[in-house]
Protein backbone atom coordinates (compact mmCIF):
# COMPACT_ATOMS: atom_id res chain seq x y z
CA MET A 1 -1.37 30.57 19.55
CA LYS A 2 0.03 31.51 16.66
CA TRP A 3 -1.29 29.07 13.38
CA ASN A 4 1.77 27.06 12.86
CA GLN A 5 1.60 25.51 16.38
CA ILE A 6 -2.23 24.25 15.88
CA SER A 7 -1.38 21.01 15.33
CA GLU A 8 0.26 20.60 18.83
CA GLN A 9 -2.58 20.88 20.68
CA THR A 10 -4.21 18.34 21.85
CA CYS A 11 -6.89 18.39 20.01
CA SER A 12 -8.29 16.18 17.23
CA ILE A 13 -10.12 18.99 15.54
CA ALA A 14 -7.17 21.31 16.14
CA ARG A 15 -4.85 19.03 14.14
CA SER A 16 -7.35 18.25 11.76
CA ALA A 17 -7.64 22.10 11.04
CA SER A 18 -3.63 22.27 11.05
CA ILE A 19 -3.51 19.81 7.81
CA PHE A 20 -6.84 20.62 5.60
CA GLY A 21 -8.23 24.04 7.55
CA ASP A 22 -7.62 26.59 4.83
CA ARG A 23 -9.63 27.72 2.37
CA TRP A 24 -7.41 26.31 -0.11
CA THR A 25 -6.31 22.73 0.78
CA LEU A 26 -9.96 22.17 1.08
CA LEU A 27 -10.72 22.78 -2.61
CA ILE A 28 -7.73 21.34 -3.59
CA LEU A 29 -8.96 17.83 -2.09
CA ARG A 30 -12.54 18.43 -4.05
CA ASP A 31 -10.41 18.29 -7.15
CA ILE A 32 -8.96 15.63 -6.37
CA PHE A 33 -12.01 13.83 -5.13
CA TRP A 34 -13.43 14.54 -8.47
CA GLU A 35 -10.24 13.35 -10.33
CA VAL A 36 -8.41 16.26 -11.18
CA ARG A 37 -5.15 15.14 -10.14
CA ARG A 38 -2.44 17.00 -12.11
CA PHE A 39 -0.46 20.17 -11.26
CA SER A 40 -1.46 21.86 -13.88
CA ALA A 41 -4.83 21.24 -13.84
CA LEU A 42 -5.04 21.45 -10.40
CA GLN A 43 -3.98 25.40 -10.88
CA LYS A 44 -6.03 25.95 -14.06
CA SER A 45 -9.28 24.61 -12.35
CA LEU A 46 -8.24 26.77 -9.27
CA GLY A 47 -6.95 29.43 -10.30
CA ILE A 48 -4.12 29.30 -7.43
CA THR A 49 -0.04 30.37 -7.56
CA LYS A 50 2.12 27.81 -8.72
CA HIS A 51 4.04 28.71 -5.22
CA ARG A 52 0.70 28.55 -3.04
CA LEU A 53 -0.39 24.94 -4.86
CA SER A 54 2.85 23.59 -4.29
CA ASP A 55 2.82 23.87 -0.63
CA ARG A 56 -0.35 22.81 -0.11
CA LEU A 57 0.40 19.92 -1.78
CA ASN A 58 3.53 18.96 -0.24
CA ARG A 59 1.77 20.00 3.65
CA LEU A 60 -1.20 16.99 2.25
CA VAL A 61 2.09 14.42 1.08
CA GLU A 62 3.83 14.96 4.19
CA SER A 63 0.46 14.49 6.74
CA GLY A 64 -0.09 11.15 4.37
CA VAL A 65 -3.36 12.50 2.68
CA LEU A 66 -2.18 12.34 -0.74
CA TYR A 67 0.57 10.68 -2.08
CA LYS A 68 2.57 11.19 -5.21
CA GLU A 69 2.60 8.79 -8.28
CA LEU A 70 4.82 9.60 -11.56
CA TYR A 71 3.11 9.65 -15.07
CA ASP A 72 5.79 11.43 -16.71
CA GLU A 73 9.42 9.92 -16.24
CA ASN A 74 10.92 12.24 -18.55
CA ARG A 75 9.62 15.50 -17.61
CA GLN A 76 9.46 13.95 -13.55
CA HIS A 77 5.52 15.21 -13.80
CA PHE A 78 3.03 13.54 -10.97
CA GLU A 79 -0.58 12.94 -10.42
CA TYR A 80 -1.69 13.12 -6.82
CA LYS A 81 -3.88 10.53 -5.12
CA LEU A 82 -5.67 10.01 -1.78
CA THR A 83 -4.55 8.02 0.88
CA GLU A 84 -6.53 5.90 2.86
CA LYS A 85 -5.89 8.78 5.00
CA GLY A 86 -7.35 10.87 2.32
CA ASP A 87 -10.22 8.90 1.44
CA ASP A 88 -11.88 8.92 4.88
CA LEU A 89 -12.06 12.94 4.07
CA LEU A 90 -14.82 12.43 1.95
CA PRO A 91 -17.72 12.29 4.62
CA ILE A 92 -16.21 15.21 5.67
CA MET A 93 -16.51 16.86 2.49
CA LEU A 94 -20.05 15.84 1.74
CA ALA A 95 -21.19 17.22 5.27
CA ILE A 96 -19.77 20.26 4.25
CA ALA A 97 -21.59 20.48 0.59
CA ASN A 98 -24.32 19.47 2.10
CA TRP A 99 -24.36 22.49 4.99
CA GLY A 100 -23.90 24.98 1.56
CA ASP A 101 -26.37 23.41 -0.21
CA LYS A 102 -28.77 24.46 2.94
CA TRP A 103 -27.12 27.25 4.16
CA GLU A 104 -25.07 29.18 1.21
CA VAL A 105 -26.43 28.22 -2.24
CA ASP A 106 -27.95 30.73 -4.67
CA SER A 107 -31.73 30.19 -6.47
CA ASP A 108 -30.21 28.75 -8.83
CA GLY A 109 -30.36 25.49 -6.36
CA PRO A 110 -26.97 23.12 -5.24
CA PRO A 111 -24.27 23.24 -7.78
CA VAL A 112 -23.39 19.16 -7.25
CA ASN A 113 -25.93 16.44 -6.66
CA TYR A 114 -23.94 13.57 -4.86
CA PHE A 115 -25.89 9.92 -5.56
CA HIS A 116 -25.06 6.79 -3.95
CA SER A 117 -24.04 4.12 -6.26
CA ALA A 118 -25.17 0.82 -4.60
CA CYS A 119 -28.77 2.40 -4.58
CA GLY A 120 -28.61 5.30 -7.46
CA LYS A 121 -30.53 7.52 -4.49
CA LYS A 122 -29.51 11.05 -4.32
CA GLY A 123 -27.24 10.85 -1.30
CA ILE A 124 -27.23 13.70 1.94
CA PRO A 125 -24.52 12.80 4.36
CA ARG A 126 -25.65 12.25 7.74
CA ILE A 127 -23.65 12.13 11.14
CA SER A 128 -25.22 9.17 12.95
CA CYS A 129 -24.80 6.96 16.53
CA THR A 130 -23.09 3.85 15.48
CA GLU A 131 -24.54 2.07 18.13
CA CYS A 132 -28.28 2.92 17.65
CA GLY A 133 -28.34 4.89 13.96
CA GLU A 134 -29.63 7.99 15.79
CA GLU A 135 -28.71 11.32 13.81
CA LEU A 136 -26.23 12.95 16.07
CA ASN A 137 -26.78 16.59 16.54
CA ALA A 138 -25.80 19.69 19.11
CA ALA A 139 -28.88 18.55 20.90
CA ASN A 140 -28.17 15.14 21.53
CA THR A 141 -24.67 14.87 21.73
CA SER A 142 -22.35 15.38 24.82
CA LYS A 143 -18.75 14.86 25.47
CA GLU A 144 -16.30 13.74 28.24
CA VAL A 145 -12.64 13.92 28.35
CA GLY A 146 -10.91 11.15 26.61
CA THR A 147 -7.91 9.51 27.60
CA GLY A 148 -5.59 11.50 25.18
CA ILE A 149 -6.08 14.66 27.69
CA SER A 150 -6.39 12.34 30.68
CA ASN A 151 -3.24 10.69 30.56
CA LYS A 152 -0.92 13.86 29.59
CA VAL A 153 -2.64 15.38 32.61
CA GLU A 154 -1.69 12.68 34.65
CA ARG A 155 1.72 12.52 33.53
CA GLY A 156 2.44 15.98 33.89
CA GLU A 157 2.76 16.92 30.24
CA GLU A 158 -0.51 19.74 30.44
CA THR A 159 -1.05 21.64 32.98
CA GLY A 160 -3.26 24.57 30.89
CA ILE A 161 -6.01 22.54 29.40
CA ASN A 162 -9.38 23.24 31.37
CA THR A 163 -11.00 19.85 32.01
CA GLU A 164 -14.66 21.46 32.69
CA VAL A 165 -14.65 22.19 28.72
CA TYR A 166 -14.76 18.81 28.21
CA ALA A 167 -17.38 17.33 30.48
CA GLY A 168 -21.30 17.46 30.32
CA ASN A 169 -23.38 18.35 27.37
CA SER A 170 -22.54 20.56 24.97
């Protein structure tokens, strides 16, 4: 399968990766979360070519993660802002940062600390069960085929999916 076909897979991870699964897009999103929203400021911050930045921003707008807001009508300049869909990426970005702080940080320590505004404490993201609150991890998480696959298989639309991969424990 080619990279440009990944969004066609019956897999939420693959479809999500087709939107923000390259290194530039994650860094663009990081800067936009940090309120760097103008094209020239993003380019300066990232050291990315205009063509590549334009391509990634257009893809994020087309996918509904960002929207453009005009700030200079005479020069037709826009700011890029997060939609609700984009805002929902913050926990993912924080989880990636937390993973990097644990496994990829140098001897100087974490480059950025994140604080929960409500309590003022340093916040460390975690993924937990919405029912019992226990933290989810590889040892206590299982999976099963969802309707997104089973309905397609029943209709004969998906014949190449090995549903056994999705059954049982990880």
